[in-house]
Protein backbone atom coordinates (compact mmCIF):
# COMPACT_ATOMS: atom_id res chain seq x y z
CA MET A 1 58.95 118.47 231.46
CA ASP A 2 62.39 117.86 232.10
CA GLU A 3 64.18 118.96 235.47
CA THR A 4 66.89 121.67 235.31
CA LEU A 5 70.01 120.57 236.93
CA GLY A 6 73.00 122.74 237.55
CA PHE A 7 70.99 125.93 237.33
CA VAL A 8 72.80 128.22 239.56
CA GLY A 9 73.06 132.00 239.91
CA ARG A 10 69.65 133.34 238.52
CA ASP A 11 67.43 133.63 241.45
CA ALA A 12 67.53 137.58 241.31
CA GLU A 13 66.47 137.31 237.32
CA LEU A 14 63.59 134.76 238.15
CA GLY A 15 62.11 136.80 241.03
CA LYS A 16 61.99 140.02 238.60
CA ALA A 17 60.37 138.07 235.96
CA LEU A 18 58.03 136.41 238.51
CA GLY A 19 57.08 140.18 239.64
CA ALA A 20 56.44 141.22 236.05
CA LEU A 21 54.44 138.38 235.09
CA GLY A 22 52.62 138.45 238.35
CA ARG A 23 51.77 142.33 237.46
CA GLY A 24 50.57 141.25 234.03
CA ASN A 25 53.43 142.20 231.78
CA ASN A 26 55.03 140.11 229.11
CA LEU A 27 58.52 138.66 229.32
CA LEU A 28 60.85 138.41 226.45
CA VAL A 29 64.14 136.34 227.19
CA LYS A 30 66.63 136.75 224.39
CA GLY A 31 70.74 136.04 224.36
CA LYS A 32 73.54 134.29 222.67
CA ALA A 33 73.04 130.48 222.04
CA GLY A 34 73.77 128.52 225.24
CA ILE A 35 73.73 130.95 228.15
CA GLY A 36 70.73 129.16 229.23
CA LYS A 37 67.40 130.51 228.17
CA SER A 38 65.73 127.40 228.09
CA ALA A 39 67.10 126.31 231.58
CA PHE A 40 65.90 130.16 232.61
CA LEU A 41 62.57 129.50 231.20
CA ARG A 42 62.20 125.90 232.75
CA ARG A 43 62.90 127.07 235.87
CA LEU A 44 60.28 130.19 235.71
CA TYR A 45 57.74 127.80 234.80
CA ALA A 46 58.38 125.40 237.58
CA ARG A 47 58.13 128.41 239.95
CA MET A 48 55.10 130.19 238.71
CA PRO A 49 52.02 129.97 240.82
CA LYS A 50 49.70 126.94 240.04
CA ASP A 51 46.58 129.27 239.74
CA ARG A 52 48.33 131.21 236.89
CA PRO A 53 47.53 130.58 233.25
CA CYS A 54 51.11 129.39 231.96
CA LEU A 55 51.79 126.57 230.09
CA TRP A 56 54.86 124.97 228.99
CA ALA A 57 55.70 124.79 224.88
CA GLY A 58 58.92 122.86 224.27
CA ASP A 59 60.36 122.06 220.91
CA ARG A 60 58.27 119.19 219.82
CA GLY A 61 56.45 118.44 216.63
CA ALA A 62 53.09 120.17 216.42
CA LYS A 63 51.02 117.06 217.47
CA ALA A 64 53.03 116.06 220.35
CA LEU A 65 52.92 119.53 221.15
CA LEU A 66 49.28 120.28 220.89
CA LEU A 67 48.74 117.22 223.03
CA ASP A 68 51.16 118.19 225.86
CA LEU A 69 49.36 121.82 226.03
CA ILE A 70 45.99 120.04 226.52
CA GLU A 71 47.09 118.09 228.93
CA GLN A 72 48.67 121.04 230.77
CA THR A 73 45.33 123.10 230.57
CA HIS A 74 43.52 119.90 231.70
CA GLN A 75 45.72 119.82 235.14
CA ARG A 76 45.95 123.52 235.62
CA VAL A 77 42.17 123.80 235.62
CA GLY A 78 41.68 120.49 237.33
CA LEU A 79 39.93 118.67 234.66
CA ALA A 80 40.38 114.82 234.56
CA ALA A 81 39.50 112.65 231.56
CA PRO A 82 38.95 108.98 231.83
CA THR A 83 41.99 106.75 230.81
CA LEU A 84 39.77 104.64 228.86
CA LEU A 85 38.91 107.45 226.78
CA VAL A 86 42.51 109.33 226.42
CA THR A 87 45.49 107.15 225.83
CA ARG A 88 48.72 108.57 225.01
CA GLN A 89 50.00 107.10 221.92
CA LYS A 90 53.13 107.59 219.89
CA VAL A 91 52.72 110.88 217.69
CA ARG A 92 54.10 110.34 214.37
């Protein structure tokens, strides 16, 4: 995931969102284009506890997205596949 640079002044909102998610609530982030929704979600994802079932789904093609979600799932639960069996190929 890309590192979020220049993210300033949203610590209170991040805290509220983390608290809500920690209590099992859903979260809806909406607003006008360009106000930083994606940056907020990237930072929120980065701050999620590693033992929580949370995956990042970026705006990519379906095959690349599926591969990313599978890799994140494996990392979250501590699974590893031998590199000889799993190779990262360019997705068309």
